[in-house]
Amino acid sequence: MVGLIKRIDTLITKNKGKKICGTVVMLGARDDYAAKLEEVAKKEALEKVPLTVADSGAAGPKPYNIAKDATFTIVVYDKSKTCCWDSTTTKMTDIVIAYAKDEQAKAAQKAMCVQPTVFAAKGTGDGFDTWRTYASQTGKSVDWKSWSEDEPCAQRAVAADTTARTAPYCAN
């Protein structure tokens, strides 16, 4: 997650004046979230990306619309092992974004609307086979790191992350 947060901050900082903005919202109910985010912001010298905490409640956040160029969505912290993975890198974020762009380009060639594959754990293995395979296919397997429990993670064994409910993407 730290790699993603750093990437967002870098993009926002580089694009000053271009009306690009972003916020990282951690959803959950742990009391130490705010302190952890403040620690990350100081350690990583974040300049522009606001970090905040919201209690998602038992049902998770309310549905929201995904921007047409979205690659990432909200994952519910205490129900998603992705949130315990602090050692992601900007190269990994680049792989996720490239996968999403390729996915959308293939859909456009077929004149189809396809909701972007959400970056979240799902399926077999550590849950990130989609992006690991893509990294390998594009000659970037050395840039992909396997999931690791970088902080205490009660949700480590979930088969799939819990993501925020979204309005139908292709109806936007």
Protein backbone atom coordinates (compact mmCIF):
# COMPACT_ATOMS: atom_id res chain seq x y z
CA MET A 1 0.00 0.00 0.00
CA VAL A 2 2.85 2.40 0.73
CA GLY A 3 4.08 2.08 -2.87
CA LEU A 4 0.62 2.99 -4.16
CA ILE A 5 0.33 5.96 -1.79
CA LYS A 6 3.77 7.22 -2.88
CA ARG A 7 2.81 6.85 -6.56
CA ILE A 8 -0.39 8.85 -6.06
CA ASP A 9 1.52 11.58 -4.21
CA THR A 10 4.17 11.75 -6.93
CA LEU A 11 1.58 12.02 -9.72
CA ILE A 12 -0.34 14.74 -7.92
CA THR A 13 2.84 16.69 -7.16
CA LYS A 14 4.09 16.43 -10.79
CA ASN A 15 0.74 17.59 -12.17
CA LYS A 16 0.24 20.77 -10.17
CA GLY A 17 -2.27 23.03 -11.84
CA LYS A 18 -3.81 20.27 -13.97
CA LYS A 19 -6.76 19.66 -11.66
CA ILE A 20 -5.57 16.20 -10.62
CA CYS A 21 -6.22 15.21 -7.07
CA GLY A 22 -6.43 12.11 -4.94
CA THR A 23 -7.12 10.99 -1.44
CA VAL A 24 -6.21 7.74 0.23
CA VAL A 25 -9.01 6.66 2.55
CA MET A 26 -8.38 3.73 4.87
CA LEU A 27 -11.65 2.07 5.85
CA GLY A 28 -11.90 0.19 9.11
CA ALA A 29 -12.45 0.53 12.77
CA ARG A 30 -8.98 0.15 14.35
CA ASP A 31 -8.06 2.98 16.68
CA ASP A 32 -4.46 3.20 15.46
CA TYR A 33 -5.21 3.87 11.75
CA ALA A 34 -4.83 7.65 12.01
CA ALA A 35 -1.49 7.35 13.80
CA LYS A 36 -0.23 4.79 11.24
CA LEU A 37 -1.18 7.07 8.34
CA GLU A 38 0.52 10.04 9.97
CA GLU A 39 3.65 7.91 10.43
CA VAL A 40 3.60 6.86 6.75
CA ALA A 41 3.10 10.47 5.61
CA LYS A 42 6.12 11.66 7.63
CA LYS A 43 8.36 8.70 6.76
CA GLU A 44 7.62 8.95 3.03
CA ALA A 45 7.65 12.78 2.97
CA LEU A 46 4.28 12.89 1.23
CA GLU A 47 3.53 16.32 -0.20
CA LYS A 48 0.08 16.34 -1.73
CA VAL A 49 -2.00 13.22 -1.11
CA PRO A 50 -4.32 13.53 1.88
CA LEU A 51 -4.52 10.41 4.03
CA THR A 52 -7.66 9.87 6.06
CA VAL A 53 -9.54 7.20 8.00
CA ALA A 54 -13.23 6.33 7.82
CA ASP A 55 -15.12 3.69 9.77
CA SER A 56 -16.75 1.61 7.06
CA GLY A 57 -19.16 -0.13 9.39
CA ALA A 58 -20.18 -3.74 9.01
CA ALA A 59 -21.62 -3.32 5.52
CA GLY A 60 -18.72 -1.33 4.09
CA PRO A 61 -18.99 2.04 2.37
CA LYS A 62 -21.94 3.17 0.31
CA PRO A 63 -21.77 2.57 -3.46
CA TYR A 64 -19.92 5.15 -5.52
CA ASN A 65 -19.11 5.72 -9.18
CA ILE A 66 -15.74 4.71 -10.61
CA ALA A 67 -14.09 7.30 -12.82
CA LYS A 68 -13.66 6.02 -16.38
CA ASP A 69 -9.87 6.00 -15.99
CA ALA A 70 -9.86 4.33 -12.57
CA THR A 71 -7.49 1.47 -11.88
CA PHE A 72 -7.83 1.22 -8.14
CA THR A 73 -10.83 1.21 -5.84
CA ILE A 74 -11.48 1.21 -2.13
CA VAL A 75 -10.62 -1.98 -0.28
CA VAL A 76 -11.98 -2.41 3.23
CA TYR A 77 -8.91 -2.52 5.47
CA ASP A 78 -9.96 -5.03 8.09
CA LYS A 79 -11.40 -7.40 5.45
CA SER A 80 -8.60 -7.21 2.87
CA LYS A 81 -5.11 -8.66 3.05
CA THR A 82 -3.87 -6.16 0.45
CA CYS A 83 -3.92 -3.55 3.21
CA CYS A 84 -1.26 -5.45 5.20
CA TRP A 85 1.12 -5.42 2.23
CA ASP A 86 3.27 -2.36 2.86
CA SER A 87 6.23 -3.34 0.66
CA THR A 88 4.63 -2.72 -2.73
CA THR A 89 6.69 -0.55 -5.06
CA THR A 90 6.05 2.09 -7.69
CA LYS A 91 7.19 -0.43 -10.34
CA MET A 92 4.41 -2.73 -9.17
CA THR A 93 1.93 0.14 -9.39
CA ASP A 94 3.12 0.74 -12.95
CA ILE A 95 2.42 -2.93 -13.76
CA VAL A 96 -1.11 -2.67 -12.35
CA ILE A 97 -1.79 0.50 -14.35
CA ALA A 98 -0.34 -1.00 -17.56
CA TYR A 99 -2.52 -4.08 -17.11
CA ALA A 100 -5.61 -1.89 -16.75
CA LYS A 101 -4.70 0.15 -19.85
CA ASP A 102 -4.16 -3.01 -21.89
CA GLU A 103 -7.44 -4.44 -20.62
CA GLN A 104 -9.32 -1.30 -21.65
CA ALA A 105 -7.55 -1.09 -25.03
CA LYS A 106 -8.57 -4.69 -25.82
CA ALA A 107 -12.16 -3.92 -24.83
CA ALA A 108 -12.17 -0.77 -26.97
CA GLN A 109 -10.95 -2.75 -30.00
CA LYS A 110 -14.06 -4.91 -29.58
CA ALA A 111 -16.26 -1.85 -28.95
CA MET A 112 -17.06 -3.20 -25.49
CA CYS A 113 -17.29 -1.60 -22.09
CA VAL A 114 -15.41 -3.64 -19.50
CA GLN A 115 -15.07 -2.67 -15.86
CA PRO A 116 -11.36 -2.50 -14.98
CA THR A 117 -10.07 -5.43 -12.96
CA VAL A 118 -9.83 -4.09 -9.43
CA PHE A 119 -6.41 -4.33 -7.82
CA ALA A 120 -7.30 -6.54 -4.90
CA ALA A 121 -6.51 -10.06 -3.74
CA LYS A 122 -8.66 -12.74 -5.31
CA GLY A 123 -8.34 -16.29 -6.51
CA THR A 124 -5.60 -18.78 -5.75
CA GLY A 125 -2.10 -18.44 -4.37
CA ASP A 126 -1.48 -15.10 -2.74
CA GLY A 127 -4.38 -13.61 -4.72
CA PHE A 128 -2.34 -11.50 -7.14
CA ASP A 129 -1.75 -13.99 -9.97
CA THR A 130 -3.41 -11.67 -12.53
CA TRP A 131 -0.69 -9.02 -12.15
CA ARG A 132 2.17 -11.47 -11.54
CA THR A 133 1.29 -13.23 -14.81
CA TYR A 134 1.01 -9.90 -16.65
CA ALA A 135 4.40 -8.81 -15.27
CA SER A 136 5.91 -12.05 -16.54
CA GLN A 137 4.26 -11.71 -19.97
CA THR A 138 5.60 -8.17 -20.34
CA GLY A 139 9.16 -8.97 -19.20
CA LYS A 140 8.77 -7.35 -15.79
CA SER A 141 8.53 -10.38 -13.51
CA VAL A 142 11.61 -9.17 -11.61
CA ASP A 143 9.59 -6.05 -10.63
CA TRP A 144 6.71 -8.01 -9.08
CA LYS A 145 6.98 -8.98 -5.40
CA SER A 146 4.81 -11.66 -3.85
CA TRP A 147 2.37 -10.65 -1.14
CA SER A 148 3.85 -10.50 2.34
CA GLU A 149 2.40 -9.78 5.74
CA ASP A 150 4.25 -6.55 6.45
CA GLU A 151 2.17 -5.66 9.48
CA PRO A 152 -0.01 -7.73 11.83
CA CYS A 153 -2.81 -9.00 9.62
CA ALA A 154 -5.82 -10.80 11.07
CA GLN A 155 -7.30 -10.91 7.55
CA ARG A 156 -4.24 -12.69 6.04
CA ALA A 157 -6.24 -15.81 5.11
CA VAL A 158 -9.08 -14.16 3.19
CA ALA A 159 -9.56 -15.69 -0.25
CA ALA A 160 -10.56 -12.31 -1.69
CA ASP A 161 -10.36 -8.72 -0.51
CA THR A 162 -13.58 -6.89 0.28
CA THR A 163 -13.94 -3.92 -2.04
CA ALA A 164 -16.35 -1.03 -1.90
CA ARG A 165 -19.61 -1.50 -3.72
CA THR A 166 -19.71 0.46 -6.92
CA ALA A 167 -22.35 1.71 -9.27
CA PRO A 168 -22.38 -0.24 -12.55
CA TYR A 169 -19.26 0.89 -14.40
CA CYS A 170 -20.55 0.56 -17.95
CA ALA A 171 -23.70 2.48 -17.10
CA ASN A 172 -21.69 5.66 -16.33
